[in-house]
Amino acid sequence: MLKADIKPFNITGIEMLIIDVPILKDGGKLYIMAVPERIFYGVRETKMQQGTENLIYQKASKCWECVNMSVQIFSKLLKEEGNFNTADYYKARNSLRDAEDFLKEAVKNAKKLLGPTPAYVSEDFQKWRDELLEEFHILTMSQEYEGLRSELFEDEFLREWMDEESIELLLKKHFQTQQSGKRKLSTIKVRIILDRLEDLINQAKDINKQAVQKQQS
């Protein structure tokens, strides 16, 4: 095992490590993205607080929990007879605001992990980053519609949130647009997750408006 001086580093918002390896020519540095404990190029990384897969999925899951809580409470308020429960209303409204904040964080993290790297970053690093994202099942593998459809239907994360009909509707919505401009088809699962959360938040906002109207009537 090579001895290395490991220091934290940040590049365009992506937590990295600078690995100073004395054996490399001219004291060269090996740049490594923050991931759970692994071995790369004979250099052992320290275990980081956040795994690569959690940068998106953790915030998305929190958003999912909060928006569902708000919808449940708002819906309950609309069905209840008698006095309007103001305490429950504020609980639902605060949960909705939390969901919006978590979605913003998820979008920001998605841009860090999936967006273009700076011009000075090598092609080898770009390729290595994509392979890492594939390993953590953030990127999809299929490039054809039917293969991608099957891959998404079998994805455990998506199946917790959506039925096959909902997944296919969003796949049809984004299949062409994810292949235009600088977008990549391999990031379509993340696009579907974020789109689903945005739809749920908009639904919660609509129910919130109905609850406010009931309170004022």
C-alpha atoms as a PDB file:
ATOM      1  CA  MET A   1       0.000   0.000   0.000  1.00  0.00           C
ATOM      2  CA  LEU A   2       1.371   3.409  -0.960  1.00  0.00           C
ATOM      3  CA  LYS A   3       1.658   6.031   1.734  1.00  0.00           C
ATOM      4  CA  ALA A   4      -0.296   9.155   0.888  1.00  0.00           C
ATOM      5  CA  ASP A   5      -1.054  12.557   2.340  1.00  0.00           C
ATOM      6  CA  ILE A   6      -4.864  12.835   2.131  1.00  0.00           C
ATOM      7  CA  LYS A   7      -6.461  16.292   2.197  1.00  0.00           C
ATOM      8  CA  PRO A   8     -10.058  17.442   1.625  1.00  0.00           C
ATOM      9  CA  PHE A   9     -10.697  19.354  -1.581  1.00  0.00           C
ATOM     10  CA  ASN A  10     -13.729  20.880  -3.289  1.00  0.00           C
ATOM     11  CA  ILE A  11     -14.158  21.309  -7.030  1.00  0.00           C
ATOM     12  CA  THR A  12     -17.301  22.996  -8.376  1.00  0.00           C
ATOM     13  CA  GLY A  13     -19.168  21.832  -5.307  1.00  0.00           C
ATOM     14  CA  ILE A  14     -18.131  18.174  -5.568  1.00  0.00           C
ATOM     15  CA  GLU A  15     -16.338  16.931  -2.460  1.00  0.00           C
ATOM     16  CA  MET A  16     -13.024  15.442  -3.525  1.00  0.00           C
ATOM     17  CA  LEU A  17      -9.773  14.283  -1.995  1.00  0.00           C
ATOM     18  CA  ILE A  18      -6.288  15.342  -3.014  1.00  0.00           C
ATOM     19  CA  ILE A  19      -4.054  12.329  -2.679  1.00  0.00           C
ATOM     20  CA  ASP A  20      -0.389  13.363  -2.604  1.00  0.00           C
ATOM     21  CA  VAL A  21       1.483  10.221  -3.509  1.00  0.00           C
ATOM     22  CA  PRO A  22       5.268  10.644  -3.034  1.00  0.00           C
ATOM     23  CA  ILE A  23       6.103   7.858  -5.476  1.00  0.00           C
ATOM     24  CA  LEU A  24       4.461   9.678  -8.385  1.00  0.00           C
ATOM     25  CA  LYS A  25       6.721  11.771 -10.607  1.00  0.00           C
ATOM     26  CA  ASP A  26       7.056  15.429  -9.603  1.00  0.00           C
ATOM     27  CA  GLY A  27       4.832  14.889  -6.563  1.00  0.00           C
ATOM     28  CA  GLY A  28       1.771  14.423  -8.768  1.00  0.00           C
ATOM     29  CA  LYS A  29      -1.706  14.484  -7.255  1.00  0.00           C
ATOM     30  CA  LEU A  30      -4.451  11.913  -7.714  1.00  0.00           C
ATOM     31  CA  TYR A  31      -7.920  13.441  -7.589  1.00  0.00           C
ATOM     32  CA  ILE A  32     -10.662  11.190  -6.186  1.00  0.00           C
ATOM     33  CA  MET A  33     -14.368  11.880  -5.699  1.00  0.00           C
ATOM     34  CA  ALA A  34     -15.732  11.372  -2.186  1.00  0.00           C
ATOM     35  CA  VAL A  35     -17.269   7.892  -2.033  1.00  0.00           C
ATOM     36  CA  PRO A  36     -17.596   5.181   0.630  1.00  0.00           C
ATOM     37  CA  GLU A  37     -14.346   3.468   1.632  1.00  0.00           C
ATOM     38  CA  ARG A  38     -12.699   1.902  -1.427  1.00  0.00           C
ATOM     39  CA  ILE A  39      -9.331   1.129  -3.014  1.00  0.00           C
ATOM     40  CA  PHE A  40      -8.297   3.115  -6.124  1.00  0.00           C
ATOM     41  CA  TYR A  41      -4.900   2.965  -7.847  1.00  0.00           C
ATOM     42  CA  GLY A  42      -3.355   1.374  -4.740  1.00  0.00           C
ATOM     43  CA  VAL A  43      -4.392   4.339  -2.532  1.00  0.00           C
ATOM     44  CA  ARG A  44      -6.858   3.736   0.283  1.00  0.00           C
ATOM     45  CA  GLU A  45      -9.452   6.496   0.693  1.00  0.00           C
ATOM     46  CA  THR A  46     -10.823   7.630   4.032  1.00  0.00           C
ATOM     47  CA  LYS A  47     -14.492   6.951   4.577  1.00  0.00           C
ATOM     48  CA  MET A  48     -16.470  10.118   3.826  1.00  0.00           C
ATOM     49  CA  GLN A  49     -19.650  11.200   5.602  1.00  0.00           C
ATOM     50  CA  GLN A  50     -21.790  10.977   2.482  1.00  0.00           C
ATOM     51  CA  GLY A  51     -21.784   8.286  -0.169  1.00  0.00           C
ATOM     52  CA  THR A  52     -22.121   9.339  -3.787  1.00  0.00           C
ATOM     53  CA  GLU A  53     -25.526   7.731  -4.127  1.00  0.00           C
ATOM     54  CA  ASN A  54     -26.861   9.609  -1.079  1.00  0.00           C
ATOM     55  CA  LEU A  55     -26.158  13.055  -2.516  1.00  0.00           C
ATOM     56  CA  ILE A  56     -29.289  12.766  -4.651  1.00  0.00           C
ATOM     57  CA  TYR A  57     -31.354   9.951  -3.168  1.00  0.00           C
ATOM     58  CA  GLN A  58     -31.164  11.083   0.454  1.00  0.00           C
ATOM     59  CA  LYS A  59     -32.580  14.544  -0.302  1.00  0.00           C
ATOM     60  CA  ALA A  60     -35.132  13.086  -2.684  1.00  0.00           C
ATOM     61  CA  SER A  61     -36.336  10.609  -0.045  1.00  0.00           C
ATOM     62  CA  LYS A  62     -36.689  13.393   2.526  1.00  0.00           C
ATOM     63  CA  CYS A  63     -38.672  15.421   0.003  1.00  0.00           C
ATOM     64  CA  TRP A  64     -40.908  12.412  -0.668  1.00  0.00           C
ATOM     65  CA  GLU A  65     -41.612  11.920   3.040  1.00  0.00           C
ATOM     66  CA  CYS A  66     -42.429  15.588   3.636  1.00  0.00           C
ATOM     67  CA  VAL A  67     -44.668  16.081   0.619  1.00  0.00           C
ATOM     68  CA  ASN A  68     -46.616  12.906   1.384  1.00  0.00           C
ATOM     69  CA  MET A  69     -47.131  14.020   4.969  1.00  0.00           C
ATOM     70  CA  SER A  70     -48.435  17.392   3.826  1.00  0.00           C
ATOM     71  CA  VAL A  71     -50.833  15.817   1.308  1.00  0.00           C
ATOM     72  CA  GLN A  72     -52.202  13.422   3.931  1.00  0.00           C
ATOM     73  CA  ILE A  73     -52.820  16.198   6.461  1.00  0.00           C
ATOM     74  CA  PHE A  74     -54.297  18.630   3.927  1.00  0.00           C
ATOM     75  CA  SER A  75     -56.613  15.898   2.612  1.00  0.00           C
ATOM     76  CA  LYS A  76     -57.698  15.037   6.147  1.00  0.00           C
ATOM     77  CA  LEU A  77     -58.503  18.700   6.839  1.00  0.00           C
ATOM     78  CA  LEU A  78     -60.687  18.882   3.740  1.00  0.00           C
ATOM     79  CA  LYS A  79     -62.701  15.829   4.825  1.00  0.00           C
ATOM     80  CA  GLU A  80     -63.162  16.811   8.471  1.00  0.00           C
ATOM     81  CA  GLU A  81     -66.418  18.356   9.624  1.00  0.00           C
ATOM     82  CA  GLY A  82     -66.654  21.074  12.244  1.00  0.00           C
ATOM     83  CA  ASN A  83     -63.949  23.517  13.322  1.00  0.00           C
ATOM     84  CA  PHE A  84     -60.864  23.872  11.150  1.00  0.00           C
ATOM     85  CA  ASN A  85     -57.776  22.399  12.841  1.00  0.00           C
ATOM     86  CA  THR A  86     -55.307  25.274  12.532  1.00  0.00           C
ATOM     87  CA  ALA A  87     -52.448  23.379  14.215  1.00  0.00           C
ATOM     88  CA  ASP A  88     -52.663  20.562  11.677  1.00  0.00           C
ATOM     89  CA  TYR A  89     -52.831  23.067   8.847  1.00  0.00           C
ATOM     90  CA  TYR A  90     -49.568  24.741   9.876  1.00  0.00           C
ATOM     91  CA  LYS A  91     -47.940  21.345  10.325  1.00  0.00           C
ATOM     92  CA  ALA A  92     -48.885  20.422   6.765  1.00  0.00           C
ATOM     93  CA  ARG A  93     -47.788  23.784   5.390  1.00  0.00           C
ATOM     94  CA  ASN A  94     -44.397  23.566   7.112  1.00  0.00           C
ATOM     95  CA  SER A  95     -43.933  20.020   5.818  1.00  0.00           C
ATOM     96  CA  LEU A  96     -44.663  21.264   2.301  1.00  0.00           C
ATOM     97  CA  ARG A  97     -42.051  23.997   2.665  1.00  0.00           C
ATOM     98  CA  ASP A  98     -39.538  21.418   3.870  1.00  0.00           C
ATOM     99  CA  ALA A  99     -40.316  19.294   0.816  1.00  0.00           C
ATOM    100  CA  GLU A 100     -39.589  22.257  -1.461  1.00  0.00           C
ATOM    101  CA  ASP A 101     -36.255  22.859   0.294  1.00  0.00           C
ATOM    102  CA  PHE A 102     -35.238  19.194   0.000  1.00  0.00           C
ATOM    103  CA  LEU A 103     -36.120  19.219  -3.701  1.00  0.00           C
ATOM    104  CA  LYS A 104     -33.913  22.267  -4.270  1.00  0.00           C
ATOM    105  CA  GLU A 105     -31.049  20.450  -2.528  1.00  0.00           C
ATOM    106  CA  ALA A 106     -31.625  17.323  -4.616  1.00  0.00           C
ATOM    107  CA  VAL A 107     -31.555  19.367  -7.835  1.00  0.00           C
ATOM    108  CA  LYS A 108     -28.389  21.150  -6.737  1.00  0.00           C
ATOM    109  CA  ASN A 109     -26.658  17.857  -5.924  1.00  0.00           C
ATOM    110  CA  ALA A 110     -27.790  16.356  -9.221  1.00  0.00           C
ATOM    111  CA  LYS A 111     -26.132  19.219 -11.087  1.00  0.00           C
ATOM    112  CA  LYS A 112     -22.915  18.672  -9.141  1.00  0.00           C
ATOM    113  CA  LEU A 113     -22.782  14.949  -9.864  1.00  0.00           C
ATOM    114  CA  LEU A 114     -24.251  14.824 -13.365  1.00  0.00           C
ATOM    115  CA  GLY A 115     -23.386  18.195 -14.842  1.00  0.00           C
ATOM    116  CA  PRO A 116     -20.348  18.953 -17.007  1.00  0.00           C
ATOM    117  CA  THR A 117     -16.967  19.037 -15.315  1.00  0.00           C
ATOM    118  CA  PRO A 118     -14.604  22.009 -15.729  1.00  0.00           C
ATOM    119  CA  ALA A 119     -12.497  22.158 -18.897  1.00  0.00           C
ATOM    120  CA  TYR A 120      -9.288  21.416 -17.007  1.00  0.00           C
ATOM    121  CA  VAL A 121     -10.581  18.056 -15.736  1.00  0.00           C
ATOM    122  CA  SER A 122      -9.202  15.175 -17.812  1.00  0.00           C
ATOM    123  CA  GLU A 123     -11.294  12.840 -19.969  1.00  0.00           C
ATOM    124  CA  ASP A 124     -10.063   9.936 -17.851  1.00  0.00           C
ATOM    125  CA  PHE A 125     -11.565  11.516 -14.754  1.00  0.00           C
ATOM    126  CA  GLN A 126     -14.861  12.153 -16.576  1.00  0.00           C
ATOM    127  CA  LYS A 127     -14.973   8.503 -17.640  1.00  0.00           C
ATOM    128  CA  TRP A 128     -14.119   7.349 -14.121  1.00  0.00           C
ATOM    129  CA  ARG A 129     -16.865   9.546 -12.638  1.00  0.00           C
ATOM    130  CA  ASP A 130     -19.463   8.108 -15.042  1.00  0.00           C
ATOM    131  CA  GLU A 131     -18.390   4.562 -14.182  1.00  0.00           C
ATOM    132  CA  LEU A 132     -18.764   5.386 -10.498  1.00  0.00           C
ATOM    133  CA  LEU A 133     -22.263   6.786 -11.020  1.00  0.00           C
ATOM    134  CA  GLU A 134     -23.202   3.635 -12.919  1.00  0.00           C
ATOM    135  CA  GLU A 135     -21.891   1.499 -10.071  1.00  0.00           C
ATOM    136  CA  PHE A 136     -24.183   3.290  -7.610  1.00  0.00           C
ATOM    137  CA  HIS A 137     -27.133   2.915 -10.029  1.00  0.00           C
ATOM    138  CA  ILE A 138     -27.543   6.656 -10.538  1.00  0.00           C
ATOM    139  CA  LEU A 139     -27.029   6.350 -14.303  1.00  0.00           C
ATOM    140  CA  THR A 140     -29.059   4.030 -16.508  1.00  0.00           C
ATOM    141  CA  MET A 141     -27.366   1.605 -18.905  1.00  0.00           C
ATOM    142  CA  SER A 142     -29.893   1.143 -21.724  1.00  0.00           C
ATOM    143  CA  GLN A 143     -30.022   3.469 -24.723  1.00  0.00           C
ATOM    144  CA  GLU A 144     -33.073   1.992 -26.467  1.00  0.00           C
ATOM    145  CA  TYR A 145     -36.614   2.751 -25.313  1.00  0.00           C
ATOM    146  CA  GLU A 146     -37.698  -0.827 -24.562  1.00  0.00           C
ATOM    147  CA  GLY A 147     -34.505  -1.688 -22.727  1.00  0.00           C
ATOM    148  CA  LEU A 148     -34.693   1.509 -20.720  1.00  0.00           C
ATOM    149  CA  ARG A 149     -38.333   0.833 -19.923  1.00  0.00           C
ATOM    150  CA  SER A 150     -37.485  -2.605 -18.516  1.00  0.00           C
ATOM    151  CA  GLU A 151     -34.527  -1.207 -16.562  1.00  0.00           C
ATOM    152  CA  LEU A 152     -36.649   1.494 -14.938  1.00  0.00           C
ATOM    153  CA  PHE A 153     -39.483  -0.941 -14.153  1.00  0.00           C
ATOM    154  CA  GLU A 154     -36.996  -3.096 -12.232  1.00  0.00           C
ATOM    155  CA  ASP A 155     -35.389  -0.215 -10.338  1.00  0.00           C
ATOM    156  CA  GLU A 156     -36.053  -0.663  -6.609  1.00  0.00           C
ATOM    157  CA  PHE A 157     -35.910   3.047  -5.833  1.00  0.00           C
ATOM    158  CA  LEU A 158     -38.493   3.991  -8.475  1.00  0.00           C
ATOM    159  CA  ARG A 159     -40.776   1.082  -7.576  1.00  0.00           C
ATOM    160  CA  GLU A 160     -41.089   2.415  -4.032  1.00  0.00           C
ATOM    161  CA  TRP A 161     -42.591   5.635  -5.363  1.00  0.00           C
ATOM    162  CA  MET A 162     -44.373   4.839  -8.607  1.00  0.00           C
ATOM    163  CA  ASP A 163     -46.267   2.147 -10.410  1.00  0.00           C
ATOM    164  CA  GLU A 164     -45.236   1.056 -13.889  1.00  0.00           C
ATOM    165  CA  GLU A 165     -47.824   3.285 -15.557  1.00  0.00           C
ATOM    166  CA  SER A 166     -46.439   6.401 -13.844  1.00  0.00           C
ATOM    167  CA  ILE A 167     -42.864   5.439 -14.683  1.00  0.00           C
ATOM    168  CA  GLU A 168     -43.702   4.935 -18.352  1.00  0.00           C
ATOM    169  CA  LEU A 169     -45.558   8.260 -18.581  1.00  0.00           C
ATOM    170  CA  LEU A 170     -42.470  10.099 -17.362  1.00  0.00           C
ATOM    171  CA  LEU A 171     -40.196   7.987 -19.552  1.00  0.00           C
ATOM    172  CA  LYS A 172     -42.222   8.993 -22.625  1.00  0.00           C
ATOM    173  CA  LYS A 173     -42.149  12.622 -21.489  1.00  0.00           C
ATOM    174  CA  HIS A 174     -38.365  12.786 -21.154  1.00  0.00           C
ATOM    175  CA  PHE A 175     -37.052  10.135 -23.582  1.00  0.00           C
ATOM    176  CA  GLN A 176     -36.487  12.545 -26.477  1.00  0.00           C
ATOM    177  CA  THR A 177     -35.566  15.665 -24.505  1.00  0.00           C
ATOM    178  CA  GLN A 178     -32.868  13.771 -22.567  1.00  0.00           C
ATOM    179  CA  GLN A 179     -31.103  13.147 -25.869  1.00  0.00           C
ATOM    180  CA  SER A 180     -31.007  16.785 -26.965  1.00  0.00           C
ATOM    181  CA  GLY A 181     -28.370  19.447 -26.340  1.00  0.00           C
ATOM    182  CA  LYS A 182     -25.933  18.649 -23.545  1.00  0.00           C
ATOM    183  CA  ARG A 183     -28.326  16.287 -21.785  1.00  0.00           C
ATOM    184  CA  LYS A 184     -27.596  12.570 -21.508  1.00  0.00           C
ATOM    185  CA  LEU A 185     -30.102   9.747 -21.746  1.00  0.00           C
ATOM    186  CA  SER A 186     -28.204   7.942 -18.975  1.00  0.00           C
ATOM    187  CA  THR A 187     -29.381  10.566 -16.447  1.00  0.00           C
ATOM    188  CA  ILE A 188     -33.078  10.038 -17.216  1.00  0.00           C
ATOM    189  CA  LYS A 189     -33.784   8.202 -13.946  1.00  0.00           C
ATOM    190  CA  VAL A 190     -32.722  11.219 -11.916  1.00  0.00           C
ATOM    191  CA  ARG A 191     -34.827  13.435 -14.207  1.00  0.00           C
ATOM    192  CA  ILE A 192     -37.846  11.179 -13.580  1.00  0.00           C
ATOM    193  CA  ILE A 193     -37.306  11.262  -9.799  1.00  0.00           C
ATOM    194  CA  LEU A 194     -37.062  15.057  -9.701  1.00  0.00           C
ATOM    195  CA  ASP A 195     -40.033  15.478 -12.029  1.00  0.00           C
ATOM    196  CA  ARG A 196     -42.154  13.153  -9.904  1.00  0.00           C
ATOM    197  CA  LEU A 197     -41.314  15.116  -6.768  1.00  0.00           C
ATOM    198  CA  GLU A 198     -42.129  18.408  -8.467  1.00  0.00           C
ATOM    199  CA  ASP A 199     -45.515  17.033  -9.561  1.00  0.00           C
ATOM    200  CA  LEU A 200     -46.291  15.903  -6.009  1.00  0.00           C
ATOM    201  CA  ILE A 201     -45.340  19.290  -4.596  1.00  0.00           C
ATOM    202  CA  ASN A 202     -47.632  21.014  -7.092  1.00  0.00           C
ATOM    203  CA  GLN A 203     -50.452  18.654  -6.090  1.00  0.00           C
ATOM    204  CA  ALA A 204     -49.835  19.489  -2.432  1.00  0.00           C
ATOM    205  CA  LYS A 205     -49.975  23.198  -3.228  1.00  0.00           C
ATOM    206  CA  ASP A 206     -53.359  22.746  -4.935  1.00  0.00           C
ATOM    207  CA  ILE A 207     -54.743  20.902  -1.902  1.00  0.00           C
ATOM    208  CA  ASN A 208     -53.270  23.622   0.311  1.00  0.00           C
ATOM    209  CA  LYS A 209     -55.270  26.229  -1.592  1.00  0.00           C
ATOM    210  CA  GLN A 210     -58.451  24.199  -1.070  1.00  0.00           C
ATOM    211  CA  ALA A 211     -57.695  23.966   2.656  1.00  0.00           C
ATOM    212  CA  VAL A 212     -57.227  27.745   2.860  1.00  0.00           C
ATOM    213  CA  GLN A 213     -60.543  28.279   1.085  1.00  0.00           C
ATOM    214  CA  LYS A 214     -62.251  25.966   3.552  1.00  0.00           C
ATOM    215  CA  GLN A 215     -60.707  27.841   6.462  1.00  0.00           C
ATOM    216  CA  GLN A 216     -61.940  31.174   5.110  1.00  0.00           C
ATOM    217  CA  SER A 217     -65.464  29.968   4.353  1.00  0.00           C
END
